[in-house]
C-alpha atoms as a PDB file:
ATOM      1  CA  MET A   1     131.480  82.158  69.674  1.00  0.00           C
ATOM      2  CA  ARG A   2     132.666  81.645  73.094  1.00  0.00           C
ATOM      3  CA  ILE A   3     133.481  78.033  74.665  1.00  0.00           C
ATOM      4  CA  ALA A   4     134.878  77.177  77.878  1.00  0.00           C
ATOM      5  CA  THR A   5     135.700  74.380  80.786  1.00  0.00           C
ATOM      6  CA  TYR A   6     135.127  74.521  83.693  1.00  0.00           C
ATOM      7  CA  ASN A   7     135.848  71.580  86.607  1.00  0.00           C
ATOM      8  CA  VAL A   8     132.950  72.348  89.299  1.00  0.00           C
ATOM      9  CA  GLU A   9     134.037  70.295  91.746  1.00  0.00           C
ATOM     10  CA  TRP A  10     131.352  68.386  93.842  1.00  0.00           C
ATOM     11  CA  PHE A  11     128.522  69.910  91.376  1.00  0.00           C
ATOM     12  CA  GLY A  12     126.305  66.643  92.074  1.00  0.00           C
ATOM     13  CA  ALA A  13     126.502  67.529  95.643  1.00  0.00           C
ATOM     14  CA  LEU A  14     124.421  70.331  94.828  1.00  0.00           C
ATOM     15  CA  PHE A  15     121.181  68.538  93.602  1.00  0.00           C
ATOM     16  CA  ASP A  16     118.149  66.315  95.085  1.00  0.00           C
ATOM     17  CA  ASP A  17     117.587  62.944  93.701  1.00  0.00           C
ATOM     18  CA  GLN A  18     114.376  65.471  91.621  1.00  0.00           C
ATOM     19  CA  ASP A  19     117.551  66.788  90.335  1.00  0.00           C
ATOM     20  CA  GLN A  20     116.515  70.213  91.774  1.00  0.00           C
ATOM     21  CA  LEU A  21     119.052  72.767  93.140  1.00  0.00           C
ATOM     22  CA  ILE A  22     119.760  72.430  97.197  1.00  0.00           C
ATOM     23  CA  MET A  23     119.673  75.952  98.072  1.00  0.00           C
ATOM     24  CA  ASN A  24     120.065  75.941 101.991  1.00  0.00           C
ATOM     25  CA  ASP A  25     122.733  75.729 104.775  1.00  0.00           C
ATOM     26  CA  ARG A  26     123.731  72.145 104.565  1.00  0.00           C
ATOM     27  CA  TRP A  27     127.300  71.701 103.903  1.00  0.00           C
ATOM     28  CA  SER A  28     128.674  71.161  99.828  1.00  0.00           C
ATOM     29  CA  GLY A  29     131.267  69.279  98.718  1.00  0.00           C
ATOM     30  CA  ARG A  30     133.134  71.717  99.317  1.00  0.00           C
ATOM     31  CA  HIS A  31     134.795  72.608 102.647  1.00  0.00           C
ATOM     32  CA  ASN A  32     133.566  75.268 104.662  1.00  0.00           C
ATOM     33  CA  VAL A  33     131.146  76.379 101.971  1.00  0.00           C
ATOM     34  CA  THR A  34     127.426  75.232 101.907  1.00  0.00           C
ATOM     35  CA  CYS A  35     124.787  74.649  99.032  1.00  0.00           C
ATOM     36  CA  ALA A  36     123.217  77.669  98.783  1.00  0.00           C
ATOM     37  CA  GLN A  37     126.976  79.903  99.107  1.00  0.00           C
ATOM     38  CA  GLN A  38     128.105  77.097  96.054  1.00  0.00           C
ATOM     39  CA  ALA A  39     124.968  77.792  93.852  1.00  0.00           C
ATOM     40  CA  GLN A  40     125.194  80.957  94.137  1.00  0.00           C
ATOM     41  CA  ALA A  41     128.398  81.716  94.000  1.00  0.00           C
ATOM     42  CA  LEU A  42     128.636  79.196  90.573  1.00  0.00           C
ATOM     43  CA  GLY A  43     125.796  81.039  89.353  1.00  0.00           C
ATOM     44  CA  THR A  44     127.481  84.187  89.467  1.00  0.00           C
ATOM     45  CA  VAL A  45     130.870  82.375  87.306  1.00  0.00           C
ATOM     46  CA  PHE A  46     128.080  81.143  85.083  1.00  0.00           C
ATOM     47  CA  LYS A  47     126.459  84.444  84.295  1.00  0.00           C
ATOM     48  CA  ALA A  48     129.797  86.287  83.978  1.00  0.00           C
ATOM     49  CA  ILE A  49     131.394  83.903  81.751  1.00  0.00           C
ATOM     50  CA  ASP A  50     128.270  84.286  79.114  1.00  0.00           C
ATOM     51  CA  ALA A  51     129.559  81.294  77.113  1.00  0.00           C
ATOM     52  CA  ASP A  52     127.802  79.817  74.366  1.00  0.00           C
ATOM     53  CA  ALA A  53     128.801  76.699  75.066  1.00  0.00           C
ATOM     54  CA  VAL A  54     130.431  75.235  78.626  1.00  0.00           C
ATOM     55  CA  MET A  55     132.154  72.011  78.931  1.00  0.00           C
ATOM     56  CA  VAL A  56     131.541  70.923  82.398  1.00  0.00           C
ATOM     57  CA  ILE A  57     133.715  68.650  84.756  1.00  0.00           C
ATOM     58  CA  GLU A  58     132.662  66.808  87.199  1.00  0.00           C
ATOM     59  CA  ALA A  59     129.187  67.828  86.130  1.00  0.00           C
ATOM     60  CA  PRO A  60     126.638  66.186  87.952  1.00  0.00           C
ATOM     61  CA  ASP A  61     125.984  62.062  88.372  1.00  0.00           C
ATOM     62  CA  GLN A  62     123.895  60.103  86.205  1.00  0.00           C
ATOM     63  CA  ASN A  63     122.268  56.822  87.688  1.00  0.00           C
ATOM     64  CA  GLY A  64     119.096  55.618  88.256  1.00  0.00           C
ATOM     65  CA  GLN A  65     117.593  58.153  90.175  1.00  0.00           C
ATOM     66  CA  ARG A  66     119.602  61.122  88.723  1.00  0.00           C
ATOM     67  CA  ASP A  67     119.916  62.691  85.431  1.00  0.00           C
ATOM     68  CA  THR A  68     122.799  64.848  84.601  1.00  0.00           C
ATOM     69  CA  VAL A  69     121.225  66.775  81.639  1.00  0.00           C
ATOM     70  CA  MET A  70     118.078  67.642  83.513  1.00  0.00           C
ATOM     71  CA  ALA A  71     119.920  68.825  86.783  1.00  0.00           C
ATOM     72  CA  LEU A  72     122.207  71.258  84.671  1.00  0.00           C
ATOM     73  CA  GLU A  73     119.059  72.670  82.248  1.00  0.00           C
ATOM     74  CA  ALA A  74     117.597  73.417  85.893  1.00  0.00           C
ATOM     75  CA  PHE A  75     120.710  75.231  87.062  1.00  0.00           C
ATOM     76  CA  ALA A  76     120.425  77.024  83.880  1.00  0.00           C
ATOM     77  CA  ARG A  77     116.955  78.249  84.323  1.00  0.00           C
ATOM     78  CA  ALA A  78     117.760  78.961  88.150  1.00  0.00           C
ATOM     79  CA  TYR A  79     119.873  81.403  87.076  1.00  0.00           C
ATOM     80  CA  ASP A  80     118.733  82.660  83.542  1.00  0.00           C
ATOM     81  CA  LEU A  81     121.596  81.331  81.584  1.00  0.00           C
ATOM     82  CA  ARG A  82     121.978  81.546  77.770  1.00  0.00           C
ATOM     83  CA  ALA A  83     123.467  78.053  77.558  1.00  0.00           C
ATOM     84  CA  CYS A  84     120.292  76.521  79.185  1.00  0.00           C
ATOM     85  CA  LYS A  85     120.377  72.894  77.080  1.00  0.00           C
ATOM     86  CA  ALA A  86     123.020  69.820  78.073  1.00  0.00           C
ATOM     87  CA  VAL A  87     124.195  67.024  76.539  1.00  0.00           C
ATOM     88  CA  LEU A  88     125.380  64.076  77.881  1.00  0.00           C
ATOM     89  CA  GLY A  89     128.058  61.167  76.587  1.00  0.00           C
ATOM     90  CA  PHE A  90     128.814  58.173  78.165  1.00  0.00           C
ATOM     91  CA  SER A  91     127.858  58.144  81.982  1.00  0.00           C
ATOM     92  CA  ASN A  92     130.558  56.378  84.526  1.00  0.00           C
ATOM     93  CA  ASP A  93     130.579  55.354  88.362  1.00  0.00           C
ATOM     94  CA  THR A  94     132.428  58.075  89.910  1.00  0.00           C
ATOM     95  CA  GLN A  95     129.773  60.738  90.369  1.00  0.00           C
ATOM     96  CA  GLN A  96     131.668  63.142  88.142  1.00  0.00           C
ATOM     97  CA  GLU A  97     130.135  63.324  84.462  1.00  0.00           C
ATOM     98  CA  ILE A  98     131.199  65.332  81.377  1.00  0.00           C
ATOM     99  CA  ALA A  99     128.507  67.198  80.169  1.00  0.00           C
ATOM    100  CA  LEU A 100     127.974  70.411  77.549  1.00  0.00           C
ATOM    101  CA  LEU A 101     125.936  73.309  78.239  1.00  0.00           C
ATOM    102  CA  TYR A 102     125.284  75.090  75.754  1.00  0.00           C
ATOM    103  CA  ASP A 103     122.929  77.998  74.125  1.00  0.00           C
ATOM    104  CA  PRO A 104     120.781  76.039  71.474  1.00  0.00           C
ATOM    105  CA  ASN A 105     120.487  79.481  69.790  1.00  0.00           C
ATOM    106  CA  LYS A 106     123.784  79.402  68.745  1.00  0.00           C
ATOM    107  CA  ILE A 107     124.493  75.887  68.423  1.00  0.00           C
ATOM    108  CA  LYS A 108     123.437  72.156  67.881  1.00  0.00           C
ATOM    109  CA  ALA A 109     125.479  69.580  69.644  1.00  0.00           C
ATOM    110  CA  VAL A 110     125.267  65.834  69.542  1.00  0.00           C
ATOM    111  CA  HIS A 111     126.801  63.127  71.089  1.00  0.00           C
ATOM    112  CA  ASP A 112     128.680  61.065  67.841  1.00  0.00           C
ATOM    113  CA  PRO A 113     130.908  58.473  69.158  1.00  0.00           C
ATOM    114  CA  ILE A 114     133.173  57.387  66.922  1.00  0.00           C
ATOM    115  CA  GLY A 115     135.359  53.946  66.977  1.00  0.00           C
ATOM    116  CA  VAL A 116     135.294  50.287  67.124  1.00  0.00           C
ATOM    117  CA  ALA A 117     133.925  48.112  69.405  1.00  0.00           C
ATOM    118  CA  THR A 118     136.534  45.610  70.906  1.00  0.00           C
ATOM    119  CA  GLY A 119     134.822  43.750  73.811  1.00  0.00           C
ATOM    120  CA  LYS A 120     138.108  42.528  75.868  1.00  0.00           C
ATOM    121  CA  LYS A 121     139.798  41.870  72.562  1.00  0.00           C
ATOM    122  CA  ARG A 122     142.780  43.842  70.669  1.00  0.00           C
ATOM    123  CA  THR A 123     140.974  45.195  67.498  1.00  0.00           C
ATOM    124  CA  ASP A 124     142.594  46.769  64.604  1.00  0.00           C
ATOM    125  CA  GLY A 125     141.815  51.262  64.774  1.00  0.00           C
ATOM    126  CA  VAL A 126     141.062  53.112  67.652  1.00  0.00           C
ATOM    127  CA  PRO A 127     138.553  51.846  69.794  1.00  0.00           C
ATOM    128  CA  ARG A 128     135.367  53.767  71.377  1.00  0.00           C
ATOM    129  CA  PHE A 129     135.811  55.604  74.502  1.00  0.00           C
ATOM    130  CA  ASP A 130     133.699  53.066  76.339  1.00  0.00           C
ATOM    131  CA  GLU A 131     135.646  50.104  75.120  1.00  0.00           C
ATOM    132  CA  VAL A 132     138.839  48.872  76.413  1.00  0.00           C
ATOM    133  CA  PHE A 133     142.007  50.038  74.870  1.00  0.00           C
ATOM    134  CA  HIS A 134     145.370  47.580  74.494  1.00  0.00           C
ATOM    135  CA  ILE A 135     148.744  48.754  75.242  1.00  0.00           C
ATOM    136  CA  ASP A 136     152.082  47.858  76.728  1.00  0.00           C
ATOM    137  CA  LEU A 137     153.850  50.943  78.247  1.00  0.00           C
ATOM    138  CA  ASP A 138     156.993  49.526  80.104  1.00  0.00           C
ATOM    139  CA  VAL A 139     159.349  46.724  79.004  1.00  0.00           C
ATOM    140  CA  ASP A 140     157.635  43.656  80.585  1.00  0.00           C
ATOM    141  CA  ALA A 141     156.316  42.545  76.855  1.00  0.00           C
ATOM    142  CA  THR A 142     152.859  42.134  78.488  1.00  0.00           C
ATOM    143  CA  GLU A 143     149.943  44.088  77.189  1.00  0.00           C
ATOM    144  CA  ASP A 144     147.915  46.276  79.357  1.00  0.00           C
ATOM    145  CA  VAL A 145     144.101  46.746  78.967  1.00  0.00           C
ATOM    146  CA  VAL A 146     143.276  49.873  79.640  1.00  0.00           C
ATOM    147  CA  ARG A 147     139.616  51.948  80.628  1.00  0.00           C
ATOM    148  CA  PHE A 148     138.726  55.468  80.993  1.00  0.00           C
ATOM    149  CA  SER A 149     137.344  55.977  83.907  1.00  0.00           C
ATOM    150  CA  LYS A 150     135.670  59.142  82.870  1.00  0.00           C
ATOM    151  CA  PRO A 151     135.155  58.133  78.676  1.00  0.00           C
ATOM    152  CA  PRO A 152     135.837  61.457  76.788  1.00  0.00           C
ATOM    153  CA  LEU A 153     132.668  63.278  75.560  1.00  0.00           C
ATOM    154  CA  GLU A 154     132.434  63.095  71.562  1.00  0.00           C
ATOM    155  CA  LEU A 155     130.159  65.960  69.757  1.00  0.00           C
ATOM    156  CA  GLN A 156     129.748  66.624  66.241  1.00  0.00           C
ATOM    157  CA  VAL A 157     128.811  70.540  67.023  1.00  0.00           C
ATOM    158  CA  ASN A 158     126.959  72.752  64.092  1.00  0.00           C
ATOM    159  CA  THR A 159     126.820  76.815  64.316  1.00  0.00           C
ATOM    160  CA  ALA A 160     123.940  78.838  63.526  1.00  0.00           C
ATOM    161  CA  LYS A 161     126.350  80.323  60.896  1.00  0.00           C
ATOM    162  CA  GLY A 162     127.072  76.677  59.368  1.00  0.00           C
ATOM    163  CA  ASN A 163     130.070  76.043  60.286  1.00  0.00           C
ATOM    164  CA  GLN A 164     130.747  72.383  61.718  1.00  0.00           C
ATOM    165  CA  PHE A 165     133.247  71.179  64.465  1.00  0.00           C
ATOM    166  CA  ARG A 166     134.756  68.462  66.649  1.00  0.00           C
ATOM    167  CA  MET A 167     134.226  68.680  70.092  1.00  0.00           C
ATOM    168  CA  ILE A 168     135.948  66.135  72.699  1.00  0.00           C
ATOM    169  CA  GLY A 169     135.482  66.701  76.258  1.00  0.00           C
ATOM    170  CA  ALA A 170     138.056  64.907  78.255  1.00  0.00           C
ATOM    171  CA  HIS A 171     139.168  64.328  82.186  1.00  0.00           C
ATOM    172  CA  LEU A 172     142.098  62.088  82.468  1.00  0.00           C
ATOM    173  CA  LYS A 173     142.744  60.169  85.812  1.00  0.00           C
ATOM    174  CA  SER A 174     144.103  61.841  88.496  1.00  0.00           C
ATOM    175  CA  LYS A 175     147.779  60.574  89.359  1.00  0.00           C
ATOM    176  CA  ALA A 176     147.144  60.735  93.513  1.00  0.00           C
ATOM    177  CA  PRO A 177     147.984  57.714  95.114  1.00  0.00           C
ATOM    178  CA  HIS A 178     144.458  57.604  97.406  1.00  0.00           C
ATOM    179  CA  GLY A 179     144.985  54.616  99.843  1.00  0.00           C
ATOM    180  CA  ALA A 180     148.428  54.555 100.362  1.00  0.00           C
ATOM    181  CA  ARG A 181     149.718  54.203 104.010  1.00  0.00           C
ATOM    182  CA  SER A 182     153.561  53.851 103.583  1.00  0.00           C
ATOM    183  CA  ARG A 183     156.129  55.511 101.070  1.00  0.00           C
ATOM    184  CA  ASP A 184     156.195  52.293  98.988  1.00  0.00           C
ATOM    185  CA  GLU A 185     152.902  52.105  98.266  1.00  0.00           C
ATOM    186  CA  VAL A 186     152.946  56.038  97.209  1.00  0.00           C
ATOM    187  CA  ILE A 187     155.488  55.202  94.801  1.00  0.00           C
ATOM    188  CA  ARG A 188     153.700  52.142  93.612  1.00  0.00           C
ATOM    189  CA  LEU A 189     150.123  53.882  93.460  1.00  0.00           C
ATOM    190  CA  SER A 190     151.882  57.026  91.814  1.00  0.00           C
ATOM    191  CA  VAL A 191     153.391  54.532  88.787  1.00  0.00           C
ATOM    192  CA  ALA A 192     150.643  52.901  88.506  1.00  0.00           C
ATOM    193  CA  ASN A 193     148.282  55.810  88.111  1.00  0.00           C
ATOM    194  CA  ARG A 194     150.899  57.987  85.843  1.00  0.00           C
ATOM    195  CA  ARG A 195     151.261  54.752  83.770  1.00  0.00           C
ATOM    196  CA  LYS A 196     147.096  54.309  83.587  1.00  0.00           C
ATOM    197  CA  GLN A 197     147.126  58.170  82.859  1.00  0.00           C
ATOM    198  CA  LEU A 198     149.745  58.158  79.505  1.00  0.00           C
ATOM    199  CA  ALA A 199     147.620  55.083  78.024  1.00  0.00           C
ATOM    200  CA  GLN A 200     144.804  57.132  78.107  1.00  0.00           C
ATOM    201  CA  ALA A 201     146.321  59.872  76.790  1.00  0.00           C
ATOM    202  CA  ILE A 202     147.891  58.194  73.976  1.00  0.00           C
ATOM    203  CA  TRP A 203     144.018  56.575  73.348  1.00  0.00           C
ATOM    204  CA  LEU A 204     143.029  60.100  73.223  1.00  0.00           C
ATOM    205  CA  ARG A 205     145.488  61.201  70.830  1.00  0.00           C
ATOM    206  CA  ALA A 206     144.695  58.429  68.793  1.00  0.00           C
ATOM    207  CA  ARG A 207     141.187  59.792  68.186  1.00  0.00           C
ATOM    208  CA  ILE A 208     142.887  63.097  67.976  1.00  0.00           C
ATOM    209  CA  ALA A 209     144.834  62.225  64.952  1.00  0.00           C
ATOM    210  CA  THR A 210     141.723  60.780  62.939  1.00  0.00           C
ATOM    211  CA  HIS A 211     139.490  63.624  63.563  1.00  0.00           C
ATOM    212  CA  LEU A 212     143.413  66.195  62.140  1.00  0.00           C
ATOM    213  CA  GLU A 213     144.052  63.101  59.020  1.00  0.00           C
ATOM    214  CA  ALA A 214     140.338  63.472  57.628  1.00  0.00           C
ATOM    215  CA  GLY A 215     140.797  67.150  57.966  1.00  0.00           C
ATOM    216  CA  ASP A 216     138.334  68.118  60.799  1.00  0.00           C
ATOM    217  CA  SER A 217     138.172  71.058  62.875  1.00  0.00           C
ATOM    218  CA  LEU A 218     138.591  70.105  66.292  1.00  0.00           C
ATOM    219  CA  ILE A 219     138.428  71.858  70.133  1.00  0.00           C
ATOM    220  CA  LEU A 220     139.854  69.307  73.033  1.00  0.00           C
ATOM    221  CA  LEU A 221     139.126  70.650  76.144  1.00  0.00           C
ATOM    222  CA  GLY A 222     138.375  69.459  80.021  1.00  0.00           C
ATOM    223  CA  ASP A 223     140.870  68.712  83.232  1.00  0.00           C
ATOM    224  CA  LEU A 224     144.015  66.711  81.639  1.00  0.00           C
ATOM    225  CA  ASN A 225     144.870  66.554  85.729  1.00  0.00           C
ATOM    226  CA  ASP A 226     148.692  66.664  84.391  1.00  0.00           C
ATOM    227  CA  GLY A 227     150.934  68.978  82.813  1.00  0.00           C
ATOM    228  CA  PRO A 228     155.258  68.839  82.443  1.00  0.00           C
ATOM    229  CA  GLY A 229     156.936  68.786  85.463  1.00  0.00           C
ATOM    230  CA  LEU A 230     153.858  68.785  87.741  1.00  0.00           C
ATOM    231  CA  ASP A 231     155.576  65.616  89.669  1.00  0.00           C
ATOM    232  CA  GLU A 232     158.594  63.759  89.803  1.00  0.00           C
ATOM    233  CA  TYR A 233     157.089  60.443  87.979  1.00  0.00           C
ATOM    234  CA  GLU A 234     157.255  62.414  85.150  1.00  0.00           C
ATOM    235  CA  ASN A 235     160.608  61.804  83.894  1.00  0.00           C
ATOM    236  CA  LEU A 236     159.867  57.802  84.052  1.00  0.00           C
ATOM    237  CA  PHE A 237     157.857  57.924  80.970  1.00  0.00           C
ATOM    238  CA  GLY A 238     159.455  60.997  79.433  1.00  0.00           C
ATOM    239  CA  ARG A 239     156.351  63.492  78.735  1.00  0.00           C
ATOM    240  CA  SER A 240     153.849  64.526  80.492  1.00  0.00           C
ATOM    241  CA  SER A 241     150.011  63.760  78.875  1.00  0.00           C
ATOM    242  CA  VAL A 242     149.603  67.354  78.165  1.00  0.00           C
ATOM    243  CA  GLU A 243     152.349  66.519  75.668  1.00  0.00           C
ATOM    244  CA  ILE A 244     150.621  63.256  74.369  1.00  0.00           C
ATOM    245  CA  VAL A 245     147.719  65.076  73.633  1.00  0.00           C
ATOM    246  CA  MET A 246     148.973  67.687  72.046  1.00  0.00           C
ATOM    247  CA  GLY A 247     151.223  66.421  69.690  1.00  0.00           C
ATOM    248  CA  GLU A 248     153.828  67.852  67.449  1.00  0.00           C
ATOM    249  CA  ASP A 249     153.652  71.245  66.362  1.00  0.00           C
ATOM    250  CA  GLY A 250     152.165  71.791  62.519  1.00  0.00           C
ATOM    251  CA  ALA A 251     148.862  70.319  60.940  1.00  0.00           C
ATOM    252  CA  ASN A 252     148.612  67.308  63.209  1.00  0.00           C
ATOM    253  CA  GLY A 253     148.828  68.910  66.313  1.00  0.00           C
ATOM    254  CA  LEU A 254     146.539  70.817  68.838  1.00  0.00           C
ATOM    255  CA  PHE A 255     147.229  74.578  70.162  1.00  0.00           C
ATOM    256  CA  ASP A 256     147.145  76.134  73.374  1.00  0.00           C
ATOM    257  CA  PRO A 257     149.174  78.894  74.451  1.00  0.00           C
ATOM    258  CA  ASN A 258     148.626  78.172  78.246  1.00  0.00           C
ATOM    259  CA  ALA A 259     149.869  74.581  77.487  1.00  0.00           C
ATOM    260  CA  ARG A 260     152.881  76.243  75.234  1.00  0.00           C
ATOM    261  CA  ALA A 261     153.950  78.479  78.128  1.00  0.00           C
ATOM    262  CA  ILE A 262     154.350  75.604  80.957  1.00  0.00           C
ATOM    263  CA  LEU A 263     156.606  73.803  78.559  1.00  0.00           C
ATOM    264  CA  ARG A 264     158.664  76.734  77.786  1.00  0.00           C
ATOM    265  CA  ARG A 265     158.554  77.291  82.002  1.00  0.00           C
ATOM    266  CA  ARG A 266     162.315  77.611  82.373  1.00  0.00           C
ATOM    267  CA  LEU A 267     162.300  80.745  84.331  1.00  0.00           C
ATOM    268  CA  ALA A 268     159.157  82.363  83.329  1.00  0.00           C
ATOM    269  CA  PRO A 269     155.749  82.557  85.578  1.00  0.00           C
ATOM    270  CA  ILE A 270     153.368  80.212  83.935  1.00  0.00           C
ATOM    271  CA  PRO A 271     149.746  80.238  83.992  1.00  0.00           C
ATOM    272  CA  THR A 272     147.317  78.489  86.293  1.00  0.00           C
ATOM    273  CA  SER A 273     144.035  77.518  86.548  1.00  0.00           C
ATOM    274  CA  SER A 274     143.618  75.411  89.571  1.00  0.00           C
ATOM    275  CA  ARG A 275     144.332  76.284  93.397  1.00  0.00           C
ATOM    276  CA  PHE A 276     144.437  73.712  96.311  1.00  0.00           C
ATOM    277  CA  PHE A 277     144.527  73.377  99.602  1.00  0.00           C
ATOM    278  CA  LEU A 278     147.557  71.575 101.676  1.00  0.00           C
ATOM    279  CA  ALA A 279     146.693  71.682 104.915  1.00  0.00           C
ATOM    280  CA  ARG A 280     149.812  69.313 105.732  1.00  0.00           C
ATOM    281  CA  GLU A 281     152.175  72.740 104.604  1.00  0.00           C
ATOM    282  CA  GLY A 282     149.381  75.405 105.510  1.00  0.00           C
ATOM    283  CA  ARG A 283     149.768  76.816 101.976  1.00  0.00           C
ATOM    284  CA  TYR A 284     147.556  76.646  98.605  1.00  0.00           C
ATOM    285  CA  LEU A 285     148.951  75.027  95.612  1.00  0.00           C
ATOM    286  CA  GLN A 286     148.380  76.076  92.217  1.00  0.00           C
ATOM    287  CA  ALA A 287     148.825  74.172  88.666  1.00  0.00           C
ATOM    288  CA  LEU A 288     147.934  74.252  85.235  1.00  0.00           C
ATOM    289  CA  LEU A 289     145.069  71.315  84.518  1.00  0.00           C
ATOM    290  CA  ASP A 290     142.327  72.367  82.299  1.00  0.00           C
ATOM    291  CA  TYR A 291     143.066  73.447  78.667  1.00  0.00           C
ATOM    292  CA  VAL A 292     141.200  74.216  75.515  1.00  0.00           C
ATOM    293  CA  MET A 293     142.944  72.837  72.464  1.00  0.00           C
ATOM    294  CA  ILE A 294     142.590  73.511  68.846  1.00  0.00           C
ATOM    295  CA  SER A 295     143.273  72.274  65.487  1.00  0.00           C
ATOM    296  CA  SER A 296     145.827  74.348  63.643  1.00  0.00           C
ATOM    297  CA  ASP A 297     143.124  75.064  60.468  1.00  0.00           C
ATOM    298  CA  MET A 298     141.050  76.853  63.417  1.00  0.00           C
ATOM    299  CA  CYS A 299     144.160  79.063  64.376  1.00  0.00           C
ATOM    300  CA  ASP A 300     143.272  81.722  61.536  1.00  0.00           C
ATOM    301  CA  LYS A 301     140.300  82.411  63.514  1.00  0.00           C
ATOM    302  CA  LYS A 302     141.150  84.542  66.075  1.00  0.00           C
ATOM    303  CA  PRO A 303     141.485  82.789  68.766  1.00  0.00           C
ATOM    304  CA  CYS A 304     141.681  84.232  72.200  1.00  0.00           C
ATOM    305  CA  TRP A 305     142.349  82.223  75.753  1.00  0.00           C
ATOM    306  CA  ARG A 306     141.583  84.128  79.224  1.00  0.00           C
ATOM    307  CA  ILE A 307     141.922  81.768  82.449  1.00  0.00           C
ATOM    308  CA  TRP A 308     139.357  83.455  84.266  1.00  0.00           C
ATOM    309  CA  HIS A 309     141.557  83.409  87.463  1.00  0.00           C
ATOM    310  CA  PRO A 310     140.574  85.710  90.745  1.00  0.00           C
ATOM    311  CA  PHE A 311     144.287  86.705  91.417  1.00  0.00           C
ATOM    312  CA  ASP A 312     146.000  86.499  88.185  1.00  0.00           C
ATOM    313  CA  ASP A 313     143.381  87.760  85.755  1.00  0.00           C
ATOM    314  CA  TYR A 314     142.918  91.781  86.700  1.00  0.00           C
ATOM    315  CA  GLU A 315     139.499  91.813  86.060  1.00  0.00           C
ATOM    316  CA  CYS A 316     138.169  89.380  87.847  1.00  0.00           C
ATOM    317  CA  TRP A 317     140.472  90.883  90.675  1.00  0.00           C
ATOM    318  CA  ARG A 318     138.673  94.112  90.538  1.00  0.00           C
ATOM    319  CA  LYS A 319     135.205  92.923  90.540  1.00  0.00           C
ATOM    320  CA  THR A 320     134.869  91.908  94.416  1.00  0.00           C
ATOM    321  CA  GLU A 321     131.745  89.433  93.744  1.00  0.00           C
ATOM    322  CA  LEU A 322     132.994  87.581  90.715  1.00  0.00           C
ATOM    323  CA  ARG A 323     136.290  87.234  92.527  1.00  0.00           C
ATOM    324  CA  GLU A 324     135.025  85.753  95.703  1.00  0.00           C
ATOM    325  CA  ALA A 325     132.343  83.361  93.626  1.00  0.00           C
ATOM    326  CA  LEU A 326     135.470  81.983  91.356  1.00  0.00           C
ATOM    327  CA  LEU A 327     137.066  81.282  95.181  1.00  0.00           C
ATOM    328  CA  THR A 328     133.998  79.671  96.334  1.00  0.00           C
ATOM    329  CA  ALA A 329     132.440  77.978  93.327  1.00  0.00           C
ATOM    330  CA  SER A 330     134.953  75.279  92.543  1.00  0.00           C
ATOM    331  CA  ASP A 331     139.117  74.820  92.881  1.00  0.00           C
ATOM    332  CA  HIS A 332     139.596  75.122  89.483  1.00  0.00           C
ATOM    333  CA  PHE A 333     138.805  78.301  87.255  1.00  0.00           C
ATOM    334  CA  PRO A 334     137.270  78.174  83.668  1.00  0.00           C
ATOM    335  CA  VAL A 335     139.175  78.699  80.663  1.00  0.00           C
ATOM    336  CA  VAL A 336     137.609  80.621  78.221  1.00  0.00           C
ATOM    337  CA  LEU A 337     138.388  80.715  74.427  1.00  0.00           C
ATOM    338  CA  ASP A 338     136.868  83.355  72.558  1.00  0.00           C
ATOM    339  CA  ILE A 339     136.953  82.379  68.388  1.00  0.00           C
ATOM    340  CA  GLU A 340     135.283  83.595  64.613  1.00  0.00           C
ATOM    341  CA  ILE A 341     133.592  80.497  64.381  1.00  0.00           C
END
């Protein structure tokens, strides 16, 4: 089985209010890329991946006028994808949903959130992801109340072979200090955003621990917007979100070889899954932000990871159409897991 995660930049801008693809020369949400160019590039990438399931990060938005599931299924029909059914969890107001596009002949995926309802009060147990989480991340002895801006998507998955596993799609909040007008504001917002992101990671880790303690097979995938050494504010809190979510090695930890590589980074080259242009510096920044993590019991099912990077992956590089499509489609690249389940 092939399972992937793919952050598609401004996917929602490619659909009209009837959830149909916009295939014209109007500019898309991507710089200097038209709607038709981005849509065609995405079709090429999704067709090439040919995955049984794709966790779509920044999926088309869900609101009173627009429907994420209808938009994704319209996209799948347009490019004749095997993964032609979609499932959405809790919607959000960021225009960046988390949804799974999957092949109904291979798996059945159902939104299955767990956790306690909290309202605004602290309760025992791990809150449901559309509720609130109480935590004190600093030394002021005052609890912070945290919400997910993009609640993770929790799925119960059953395969055609009769296997079962849990899947969680996540997109943790970015640490970028948007709106800052001075150096002091940059520092203040960066620290505040990292505190919130770490709180989300701790909340997510608590849910992961619940599944692992229950003996559930688990795949956690998506954009964690973080990695060890990604910014200077990490040292204020000791660990990155990635380290928190993965946990320790062993039965209660999750495994992703790319994540392990950045933990051992030292002087060795590290994998990357995204590429952003820094206009002020006139160069590109590459980072590993996207992950597919599996529980220890799934490590004996011959898992094989691949980042479809247009410059680092040889097959992606040598196929000109695919290479150009990957660069046009998004500022992130798909991370793909092949596994025998």
